[in-house]
Amino acid sequence: MGYNVCLFTLNGCGYCVSLKEELKKNNIEYSEYEVNEHKSTYDQITAITKEDALPTVYMQNPDTGMGPIFVPGRDFKSPDEAIQKIKKYL
């Protein structure tokens, strides 16, 4: 079983919209977490990554609840690059 794709976004974020469009084009299911509505969870993510950039992708292993976190600018430079990283865990 593959990892769950958890996408942290912000309303009005153009980069977030672009990544969501690419996920849909690639038929990749994801759960979206708007950072203002899920502040405590996003705060945990930023505490781990030491980064506050969106859209942040958390690949959650359904068995352990753990997994890699991909931050734009640090781990990917474009939606296409993010998709390639995500696909490695599906």
N, C-alpha and C. Protein backbone atom coordinates (compact mmCIF):
# COMPACT_ATOMS: atom_id res chain seq x y z
N MET A 1 0.85 -1.20 0.00
CA MET A 1 0.00 0.00 0.00
C MET A 1 0.88 1.24 0.00
N GLY A 2 0.53 2.21 -0.84
CA GLY A 2 1.33 3.42 -0.95
C GLY A 2 1.07 4.40 0.16
N TYR A 3 1.84 5.42 0.13
CA TYR A 3 1.72 6.50 1.12
C TYR A 3 0.51 7.37 0.81
N ASN A 4 0.00 8.05 1.83
CA ASN A 4 -1.06 9.04 1.65
C ASN A 4 -0.41 10.38 1.35
N VAL A 5 -0.97 11.11 0.39
CA VAL A 5 -0.46 12.42 0.03
C VAL A 5 -1.26 13.46 0.81
N CYS A 6 -0.57 14.20 1.67
CA CYS A 6 -1.19 15.27 2.45
C CYS A 6 -0.59 16.58 1.95
N LEU A 7 -1.45 17.46 1.49
CA LEU A 7 -1.01 18.71 0.89
C LEU A 7 -1.43 19.88 1.76
N PHE A 8 -0.45 20.64 2.24
CA PHE A 8 -0.73 21.83 3.04
C PHE A 8 -0.74 23.03 2.11
N THR A 9 -1.86 23.77 2.13
CA THR A 9 -2.07 24.87 1.20
C THR A 9 -2.54 26.11 1.94
N LEU A 10 -2.61 27.21 1.20
CA LEU A 10 -3.15 28.47 1.70
C LEU A 10 -4.12 28.99 0.65
N ASN A 11 -5.30 29.40 1.08
CA ASN A 11 -6.28 29.97 0.15
C ASN A 11 -5.65 31.15 -0.58
N GLY A 12 -5.81 31.20 -1.89
CA GLY A 12 -5.26 32.30 -2.68
C GLY A 12 -3.83 32.08 -3.13
N CYS A 13 -3.24 30.94 -2.79
CA CYS A 13 -1.85 30.65 -3.16
C CYS A 13 -1.81 30.05 -4.56
N GLY A 14 -1.23 30.79 -5.50
CA GLY A 14 -1.15 30.33 -6.88
C GLY A 14 -0.32 29.07 -7.04
N TYR A 15 0.77 28.95 -6.28
CA TYR A 15 1.60 27.75 -6.35
C TYR A 15 0.82 26.52 -5.88
N CYS A 16 -0.01 26.73 -4.86
CA CYS A 16 -0.85 25.64 -4.34
C CYS A 16 -1.83 25.17 -5.41
N VAL A 17 -2.46 26.11 -6.09
CA VAL A 17 -3.40 25.79 -7.16
C VAL A 17 -2.69 25.00 -8.26
N SER A 18 -1.48 25.43 -8.64
CA SER A 18 -0.73 24.75 -9.70
C SER A 18 -0.42 23.31 -9.32
N LEU A 19 0.00 23.08 -8.09
CA LEU A 19 0.33 21.72 -7.68
C LEU A 19 -0.94 20.87 -7.61
N LYS A 20 -2.04 21.42 -7.12
CA LYS A 20 -3.29 20.66 -7.08
C LYS A 20 -3.73 20.27 -8.49
N GLU A 21 -3.57 21.18 -9.46
CA GLU A 21 -3.92 20.87 -10.84
C GLU A 21 -3.07 19.72 -11.38
N GLU A 22 -1.77 19.74 -11.07
CA GLU A 22 -0.88 18.67 -11.54
C GLU A 22 -1.23 17.34 -10.88
N LEU A 23 -1.57 17.36 -9.60
CA LEU A 23 -1.98 16.14 -8.92
C LEU A 23 -3.21 15.55 -9.60
N LYS A 24 -4.17 16.41 -9.92
CA LYS A 24 -5.40 15.94 -10.59
C LYS A 24 -5.08 15.39 -11.97
N LYS A 25 -4.22 16.07 -12.74
CA LYS A 25 -3.85 15.61 -14.08
C LYS A 25 -3.20 14.22 -14.02
N ASN A 26 -2.46 13.96 -12.94
CA ASN A 26 -1.76 12.70 -12.78
C ASN A 26 -2.58 11.67 -12.01
N ASN A 27 -3.86 11.98 -11.78
CA ASN A 27 -4.76 11.07 -11.05
C ASN A 27 -4.19 10.63 -9.71
N ILE A 28 -3.60 11.59 -9.00
CA ILE A 28 -3.05 11.32 -7.67
C ILE A 28 -4.02 11.88 -6.63
N GLU A 29 -4.53 10.98 -5.81
CA GLU A 29 -5.45 11.40 -4.75
C GLU A 29 -4.64 12.04 -3.63
N TYR A 30 -5.23 13.06 -3.02
CA TYR A 30 -4.55 13.75 -1.91
C TYR A 30 -5.59 14.31 -0.95
N SER A 31 -5.13 14.55 0.26
CA SER A 31 -5.93 15.24 1.26
C SER A 31 -5.36 16.64 1.40
N GLU A 32 -6.24 17.64 1.36
CA GLU A 32 -5.79 19.03 1.45
C GLU A 32 -6.04 19.57 2.85
N TYR A 33 -5.02 20.26 3.37
CA TYR A 33 -5.11 20.89 4.69
C TYR A 33 -4.76 22.36 4.54
N GLU A 34 -5.77 23.21 4.61
CA GLU A 34 -5.55 24.66 4.54
C GLU A 34 -4.90 25.06 5.86
N VAL A 35 -3.75 25.75 5.78
CA VAL A 35 -2.94 25.98 6.98
C VAL A 35 -3.65 26.79 8.06
N ASN A 36 -4.53 27.70 7.69
CA ASN A 36 -5.24 28.47 8.72
C ASN A 36 -6.29 27.63 9.44
N GLU A 37 -6.80 26.62 8.76
CA GLU A 37 -7.80 25.74 9.37
C GLU A 37 -7.15 24.58 10.13
N HIS A 38 -5.88 24.31 9.86
CA HIS A 38 -5.16 23.20 10.50
C HIS A 38 -3.83 23.72 11.04
N LYS A 39 -3.90 24.83 11.77
CA LYS A 39 -2.70 25.52 12.23
C LYS A 39 -1.81 24.64 13.10
N SER A 40 -2.38 23.91 14.06
CA SER A 40 -1.54 23.11 14.97
C SER A 40 -0.80 22.02 14.20
N THR A 41 -1.45 21.40 13.23
CA THR A 41 -0.79 20.37 12.44
C THR A 41 0.31 20.99 11.59
N TYR A 42 0.02 22.13 10.95
CA TYR A 42 1.04 22.78 10.13
C TYR A 42 2.20 23.27 11.00
N ASP A 43 1.92 23.71 12.20
CA ASP A 43 2.99 24.13 13.11
C ASP A 43 3.92 22.96 13.42
N GLN A 44 3.37 21.76 13.54
CA GLN A 44 4.20 20.57 13.76
C GLN A 44 5.09 20.30 12.55
N ILE A 45 4.53 20.48 11.36
CA ILE A 45 5.30 20.28 10.13
C ILE A 45 6.45 21.30 10.05
N THR A 46 6.15 22.57 10.32
CA THR A 46 7.19 23.59 10.24
C THR A 46 8.25 23.41 11.33
N ALA A 47 7.86 22.86 12.47
CA ALA A 47 8.83 22.58 13.52
C ALA A 47 9.83 21.51 13.07
N ILE A 48 9.35 20.56 12.29
CA ILE A 48 10.22 19.50 11.77
C ILE A 48 11.10 20.02 10.65
N THR A 49 10.50 20.74 9.70
CA THR A 49 11.23 21.16 8.49
C THR A 49 12.04 22.44 8.68
N LYS A 50 11.67 23.24 9.67
CA LYS A 50 12.27 24.57 9.86
C LYS A 50 12.02 25.46 8.64
N GLU A 51 10.95 25.14 7.88
CA GLU A 51 10.59 25.87 6.68
C GLU A 51 9.11 26.22 6.74
N ASP A 52 8.76 27.39 6.22
CA ASP A 52 7.37 27.82 6.16
C ASP A 52 7.08 28.25 4.73
N ALA A 53 6.93 27.25 3.86
CA ALA A 53 6.68 27.51 2.45
C ALA A 53 5.56 26.60 1.98
N LEU A 54 4.76 27.10 1.06
CA LEU A 54 3.61 26.34 0.58
C LEU A 54 3.64 26.25 -0.94
N PRO A 55 3.11 25.18 -1.48
CA PRO A 55 2.47 24.04 -0.84
C PRO A 55 3.51 23.03 -0.32
N THR A 56 3.33 22.61 0.91
CA THR A 56 4.18 21.59 1.51
C THR A 56 3.48 20.24 1.37
N VAL A 57 4.24 19.23 0.99
CA VAL A 57 3.71 17.89 0.77
C VAL A 57 4.25 16.96 1.85
N TYR A 58 3.33 16.29 2.54
CA TYR A 58 3.71 15.30 3.55
C TYR A 58 3.25 13.94 3.05
N MET A 59 4.19 13.04 2.87
CA MET A 59 3.89 11.69 2.40
C MET A 59 3.78 10.80 3.64
N GLN A 60 2.56 10.44 3.99
CA GLN A 60 2.31 9.72 5.24
C GLN A 60 2.18 8.22 4.99
N ASN A 61 3.04 7.46 5.64
CA ASN A 61 2.94 6.00 5.60
C ASN A 61 1.74 5.61 6.44
N PRO A 62 0.75 4.92 5.86
CA PRO A 62 -0.47 4.59 6.62
C PRO A 62 -0.22 3.65 7.79
N ASP A 63 0.88 2.91 7.76
CA ASP A 63 1.18 1.97 8.84
C ASP A 63 1.85 2.65 10.04
N THR A 64 2.75 3.60 9.75
CA THR A 64 3.52 4.22 10.83
C THR A 64 3.09 5.66 11.13
N GLY A 65 2.39 6.30 10.18
CA GLY A 65 2.04 7.71 10.36
C GLY A 65 3.19 8.64 10.05
N MET A 66 4.33 8.09 9.66
CA MET A 66 5.52 8.88 9.38
C MET A 66 5.77 8.93 7.88
N GLY A 67 6.68 9.78 7.47
CA GLY A 67 7.06 9.84 6.07
C GLY A 67 7.77 11.13 5.74
N PRO A 68 8.29 11.22 4.52
CA PRO A 68 9.03 12.41 4.13
C PRO A 68 8.12 13.62 3.92
N ILE A 69 8.72 14.78 4.10
CA ILE A 69 8.03 16.05 3.89
C ILE A 69 8.80 16.79 2.80
N PHE A 70 8.07 17.21 1.77
CA PHE A 70 8.68 17.94 0.66
C PHE A 70 8.26 19.40 0.73
N VAL A 71 9.26 20.28 0.80
CA VAL A 71 9.02 21.72 0.92
C VAL A 71 9.46 22.41 -0.37
N PRO A 72 8.59 23.28 -0.93
CA PRO A 72 8.98 23.98 -2.15
C PRO A 72 10.21 24.86 -1.92
N GLY A 73 11.06 24.92 -2.94
CA GLY A 73 12.28 25.70 -2.83
C GLY A 73 13.42 24.88 -2.27
N ARG A 74 13.11 24.00 -1.33
CA ARG A 74 14.14 23.14 -0.74
C ARG A 74 14.16 21.78 -1.45
N ASP A 75 12.98 21.17 -1.64
CA ASP A 75 12.90 19.81 -2.16
C ASP A 75 12.38 19.73 -3.59
N PHE A 76 11.68 20.74 -4.03
CA PHE A 76 11.22 20.78 -5.42
C PHE A 76 11.08 22.23 -5.86
N LYS A 77 11.30 22.42 -7.17
CA LYS A 77 11.27 23.78 -7.73
C LYS A 77 10.05 24.04 -8.59
N SER A 78 9.31 22.96 -8.93
CA SER A 78 8.15 23.12 -9.81
C SER A 78 7.13 22.04 -9.45
N PRO A 79 5.88 22.24 -9.87
CA PRO A 79 4.88 21.20 -9.64
C PRO A 79 5.28 19.87 -10.25
N ASP A 80 5.89 19.90 -11.45
CA ASP A 80 6.30 18.66 -12.10
C ASP A 80 7.35 17.92 -11.27
N GLU A 81 8.29 18.66 -10.71
CA GLU A 81 9.32 18.04 -9.87
C GLU A 81 8.70 17.45 -8.61
N ALA A 82 7.70 18.13 -8.04
CA ALA A 82 7.00 17.61 -6.88
C ALA A 82 6.28 16.31 -7.22
N ILE A 83 5.64 16.27 -8.39
CA ILE A 83 4.91 15.07 -8.82
C ILE A 83 5.87 13.89 -8.92
N GLN A 84 7.06 14.12 -9.48
CA GLN A 84 8.04 13.04 -9.61
C GLN A 84 8.45 12.48 -8.25
N LYS A 85 8.64 13.36 -7.27
CA LYS A 85 8.99 12.91 -5.91
C LYS A 85 7.82 12.13 -5.28
N ILE A 86 6.62 12.65 -5.44
CA ILE A 86 5.44 12.02 -4.87
C ILE A 86 5.26 10.61 -5.44
N LYS A 87 5.42 10.47 -6.75
CA LYS A 87 5.20 9.18 -7.41
C LYS A 87 6.12 8.09 -6.88
N LYS A 88 7.28 8.46 -6.37
CA LYS A 88 8.21 7.46 -5.82
C LYS A 88 7.63 6.76 -4.58
N TYR A 89 6.63 7.36 -3.96
CA TYR A 89 6.06 6.82 -2.71
C TYR A 89 4.67 6.23 -2.92
N LEU A 90 4.16 6.23 -4.14
CA LEU A 90 2.82 5.71 -4.39
C LEU A 90 2.84 4.27 -4.85
